[in-house]
Structure formats: C-alpha cells, structure tokens
N, C-alpha and C. Protein backbone atom coordinates (compact mmCIF):
# COMPACT_ATOMS: atom_id res chain seq x y z
N MET A 1 12.49 124.72 14.48
CA MET A 1 13.44 124.11 15.38
C MET A 1 14.86 124.51 14.97
N ILE A 2 15.12 124.51 13.67
CA ILE A 2 16.47 124.89 13.21
C ILE A 2 16.77 126.33 13.59
N GLN A 3 15.79 127.23 13.40
CA GLN A 3 15.99 128.63 13.76
C GLN A 3 16.23 128.77 15.26
N TYR A 4 15.47 128.04 16.05
CA TYR A 4 15.62 128.10 17.50
C TYR A 4 17.01 127.65 17.93
N LEU A 5 17.46 126.53 17.39
CA LEU A 5 18.77 126.00 17.78
C LEU A 5 19.90 126.89 17.28
N SER A 6 19.76 127.41 16.07
CA SER A 6 20.84 128.25 15.52
C SER A 6 20.88 129.63 16.18
N SER A 7 19.80 130.01 16.87
CA SER A 7 19.78 131.30 17.57
C SER A 7 20.67 131.28 18.82
N GLY A 8 21.02 130.09 19.28
CA GLY A 8 21.84 129.98 20.47
C GLY A 8 21.04 129.93 21.76
N LYS A 9 19.71 130.04 21.65
CA LYS A 9 18.86 130.02 22.85
C LYS A 9 18.71 128.61 23.40
N GLY A 10 18.72 127.63 22.52
CA GLY A 10 18.58 126.24 22.95
C GLY A 10 19.92 125.62 23.22
N LYS A 11 19.96 124.69 24.13
CA LYS A 11 21.21 124.01 24.45
C LYS A 11 21.05 122.55 24.09
N LEU A 12 21.94 122.06 23.24
CA LEU A 12 21.92 120.66 22.86
C LEU A 12 22.61 119.84 23.94
N ASN A 13 22.10 118.65 24.19
CA ASN A 13 22.71 117.81 25.22
C ASN A 13 23.39 116.59 24.62
N GLY A 14 23.56 116.59 23.29
CA GLY A 14 24.19 115.47 22.64
C GLY A 14 25.52 115.86 22.01
N ASP A 15 26.28 114.86 21.67
CA ASP A 15 27.58 115.06 21.03
C ASP A 15 27.40 114.88 19.53
N LYS A 16 27.55 115.97 18.76
CA LYS A 16 27.31 115.91 17.32
C LYS A 16 28.26 114.96 16.61
N ASP A 17 29.46 114.83 17.08
CA ASP A 17 30.41 113.92 16.46
C ASP A 17 29.99 112.46 16.67
N LYS A 18 29.52 112.15 17.86
CA LYS A 18 29.03 110.79 18.12
C LYS A 18 27.77 110.50 17.30
N ALA A 19 26.91 111.52 17.15
CA ALA A 19 25.70 111.34 16.36
C ALA A 19 26.05 111.08 14.89
N MET A 20 26.98 111.83 14.36
CA MET A 20 27.37 111.62 12.96
C MET A 20 28.05 110.27 12.78
N GLN A 21 28.81 109.83 13.77
CA GLN A 21 29.43 108.51 13.70
C GLN A 21 28.35 107.43 13.68
N ALA A 22 27.32 107.59 14.50
CA ALA A 22 26.23 106.62 14.53
C ALA A 22 25.49 106.58 13.20
N VAL A 23 25.22 107.75 12.63
CA VAL A 23 24.54 107.81 11.33
C VAL A 23 25.41 107.14 10.26
N TYR A 24 26.70 107.43 10.26
CA TYR A 24 27.62 106.81 9.30
C TYR A 24 27.59 105.29 9.43
N GLU A 25 27.68 104.77 10.65
CA GLU A 25 27.69 103.33 10.87
C GLU A 25 26.40 102.69 10.36
N VAL A 26 25.28 103.37 10.57
CA VAL A 26 24.01 102.83 10.08
C VAL A 26 24.00 102.82 8.55
N LEU A 27 24.46 103.90 7.95
CA LEU A 27 24.43 104.00 6.48
C LEU A 27 25.33 102.99 5.80
N VAL A 28 26.48 102.71 6.38
CA VAL A 28 27.41 101.77 5.75
C VAL A 28 27.31 100.36 6.31
N GLY A 29 26.42 100.17 7.30
CA GLY A 29 26.19 98.83 7.84
C GLY A 29 27.26 98.35 8.79
N GLU A 30 27.87 99.24 9.51
CA GLU A 30 28.90 98.88 10.49
C GLU A 30 28.33 98.99 11.90
N GLY A 31 29.14 98.64 12.87
CA GLY A 31 28.73 98.79 14.26
C GLY A 31 28.28 97.48 14.86
N ALA A 32 27.86 97.53 16.11
CA ALA A 32 27.47 96.32 16.83
C ALA A 32 26.18 95.72 16.30
N GLU A 33 25.23 96.55 15.93
CA GLU A 33 23.95 96.07 15.42
C GLU A 33 24.07 95.83 13.92
N VAL A 34 23.56 94.71 13.45
CA VAL A 34 23.72 94.38 12.03
C VAL A 34 22.41 94.40 11.26
N GLU A 35 21.29 94.52 11.92
CA GLU A 35 19.99 94.48 11.25
C GLU A 35 19.43 95.87 10.98
N TYR A 36 20.28 96.79 10.55
CA TYR A 36 19.84 98.16 10.30
C TYR A 36 18.86 98.27 9.15
N ASN A 37 19.03 97.44 8.12
CA ASN A 37 18.24 97.61 6.90
C ASN A 37 16.74 97.41 7.13
N ALA A 38 16.34 96.74 8.18
CA ALA A 38 14.92 96.51 8.44
C ALA A 38 14.27 97.69 9.17
N GLU A 39 15.06 98.60 9.67
CA GLU A 39 14.53 99.71 10.47
C GLU A 39 14.44 100.98 9.63
N GLN A 40 13.41 101.80 9.91
CA GLN A 40 13.21 103.03 9.14
C GLN A 40 13.40 104.29 9.98
N PHE A 41 13.60 104.15 11.26
CA PHE A 41 13.69 105.32 12.14
C PHE A 41 14.90 105.17 13.05
N LEU A 42 15.78 106.13 13.03
CA LEU A 42 16.95 106.13 13.91
C LEU A 42 16.78 107.25 14.92
N HIS A 43 16.50 106.88 16.15
CA HIS A 43 16.40 107.90 17.19
C HIS A 43 17.72 107.97 17.92
N LEU A 44 18.17 109.18 18.19
CA LEU A 44 19.46 109.39 18.83
C LEU A 44 19.27 110.17 20.11
N GLY A 45 19.85 109.71 21.19
CA GLY A 45 19.81 110.42 22.46
C GLY A 45 18.88 109.75 23.46
N THR A 46 19.24 109.86 24.70
CA THR A 46 18.45 109.22 25.75
C THR A 46 17.09 109.87 25.91
N GLY A 47 16.98 111.17 25.69
CA GLY A 47 15.69 111.84 25.78
C GLY A 47 14.72 111.35 24.72
N VAL A 48 15.24 111.09 23.53
CA VAL A 48 14.39 110.60 22.44
C VAL A 48 13.91 109.19 22.76
N THR A 49 14.76 108.38 23.34
CA THR A 49 14.36 107.01 23.71
C THR A 49 13.18 107.04 24.66
N THR A 50 13.21 107.92 25.63
CA THR A 50 12.11 108.05 26.58
C THR A 50 10.83 108.46 25.86
N ARG A 51 10.93 109.43 24.94
CA ARG A 51 9.74 109.88 24.20
C ARG A 51 9.19 108.79 23.30
N VAL A 52 10.06 108.03 22.64
CA VAL A 52 9.60 106.94 21.78
C VAL A 52 8.86 105.89 22.62
N GLU A 53 9.38 105.58 23.79
CA GLU A 53 8.71 104.63 24.68
C GLU A 53 7.35 105.15 25.12
N MET A 54 7.23 106.45 25.36
CA MET A 54 5.94 107.03 25.74
C MET A 54 4.93 106.91 24.59
N VAL A 55 5.38 107.17 23.38
CA VAL A 55 4.50 107.06 22.21
C VAL A 55 4.08 105.60 22.01
N GLN A 56 5.01 104.68 22.19
CA GLN A 56 4.68 103.25 22.09
C GLN A 56 3.58 102.89 23.09
N ASP A 57 3.76 103.32 24.31
CA ASP A 57 2.75 103.03 25.35
C ASP A 57 1.40 103.64 24.99
N TYR A 58 1.42 104.86 24.47
CA TYR A 58 0.19 105.55 24.09
C TYR A 58 -0.56 104.77 23.02
N PHE A 59 0.14 104.38 21.94
CA PHE A 59 -0.51 103.66 20.86
C PHE A 59 -0.89 102.24 21.25
N SER A 60 -0.10 101.62 22.11
CA SER A 60 -0.44 100.29 22.59
C SER A 60 -1.76 100.33 23.36
N GLN A 61 -1.90 101.33 24.21
CA GLN A 61 -3.14 101.49 24.97
C GLN A 61 -4.32 101.75 24.02
N ALA A 62 -4.12 102.59 23.02
CA ALA A 62 -5.19 102.88 22.06
C ALA A 62 -5.60 101.62 21.31
N LEU A 63 -4.63 100.79 20.94
CA LEU A 63 -4.95 99.53 20.27
C LEU A 63 -5.71 98.58 21.18
N ASN A 64 -5.31 98.53 22.43
CA ASN A 64 -6.02 97.67 23.39
C ASN A 64 -7.47 98.10 23.56
N VAL A 65 -7.70 99.40 23.59
CA VAL A 65 -9.06 99.90 23.82
C VAL A 65 -9.89 99.89 22.55
N PHE A 66 -9.32 100.35 21.44
CA PHE A 66 -10.10 100.56 20.22
C PHE A 66 -9.73 99.64 19.06
N GLY A 67 -8.88 98.65 19.28
CA GLY A 67 -8.45 97.77 18.20
C GLY A 67 -9.61 97.11 17.48
N ASN A 68 -10.56 96.57 18.22
CA ASN A 68 -11.71 95.91 17.60
C ASN A 68 -12.57 96.90 16.83
N VAL A 69 -12.74 98.09 17.35
CA VAL A 69 -13.52 99.11 16.66
C VAL A 69 -12.84 99.48 15.35
N ALA A 70 -11.55 99.69 15.38
CA ALA A 70 -10.81 100.08 14.17
C ALA A 70 -10.92 99.02 13.09
N ASN A 71 -10.87 97.76 13.47
CA ASN A 71 -10.91 96.68 12.49
C ASN A 71 -12.30 96.44 11.91
N ARG A 72 -13.34 96.97 12.53
CA ARG A 72 -14.71 96.75 12.04
C ARG A 72 -15.13 97.71 10.94
N VAL A 73 -14.33 98.68 10.58
CA VAL A 73 -14.76 99.69 9.61
C VAL A 73 -14.26 99.41 8.20
N SER A 74 -13.68 98.26 7.95
CA SER A 74 -13.21 97.92 6.61
C SER A 74 -14.39 97.69 5.67
N ILE A 75 -14.17 97.91 4.40
CA ILE A 75 -15.20 97.66 3.39
C ILE A 75 -15.37 96.16 3.23
N ASP A 76 -16.61 95.70 3.25
CA ASP A 76 -16.90 94.28 3.06
C ASP A 76 -16.68 93.92 1.60
N LYS A 77 -16.08 92.76 1.38
CA LYS A 77 -15.80 92.31 0.01
C LYS A 77 -16.81 91.28 -0.42
C-alpha cells in the first residue's frame, strides 16, 4: 500500500494535516471525545467508517447464526 501511494498512482481523499491533528488529540487526550483510552482502533475518514460498519454487520450476522455453535466447542472442566 505504501509503494502504491508513494508511486503517485493512488489519490488520497483525506487531509493529512487534519488526520495528524486527530491522532495528536487522541494521543494527548484532547478534543471533544474524552474516552479515548478505552479504544484500541482509530479509524479516520468517511470511507473507513463505512467499511467498519460493514465488518460489524458481517460479524454480527455470523454471531447470530453460529454463536451457539462457537460456544459449544470449549473444553469441559
């Protein structure tokens, strides 16, 4: 991905300065949101938000269908 973007073939649709400001605010605990320390993933950009929501829906559906199956394979104590 780095090679692709640095080749100039890909076009970024985000503002790098705004992204770095957001990362800085998260790291130092500033900004409107104050519960940063509980989160482990910072997604930036509207396209990423859409993809994260799609993955959430995918795993939610998998849990609905196979949740009971997944929980039955634990070792009995």
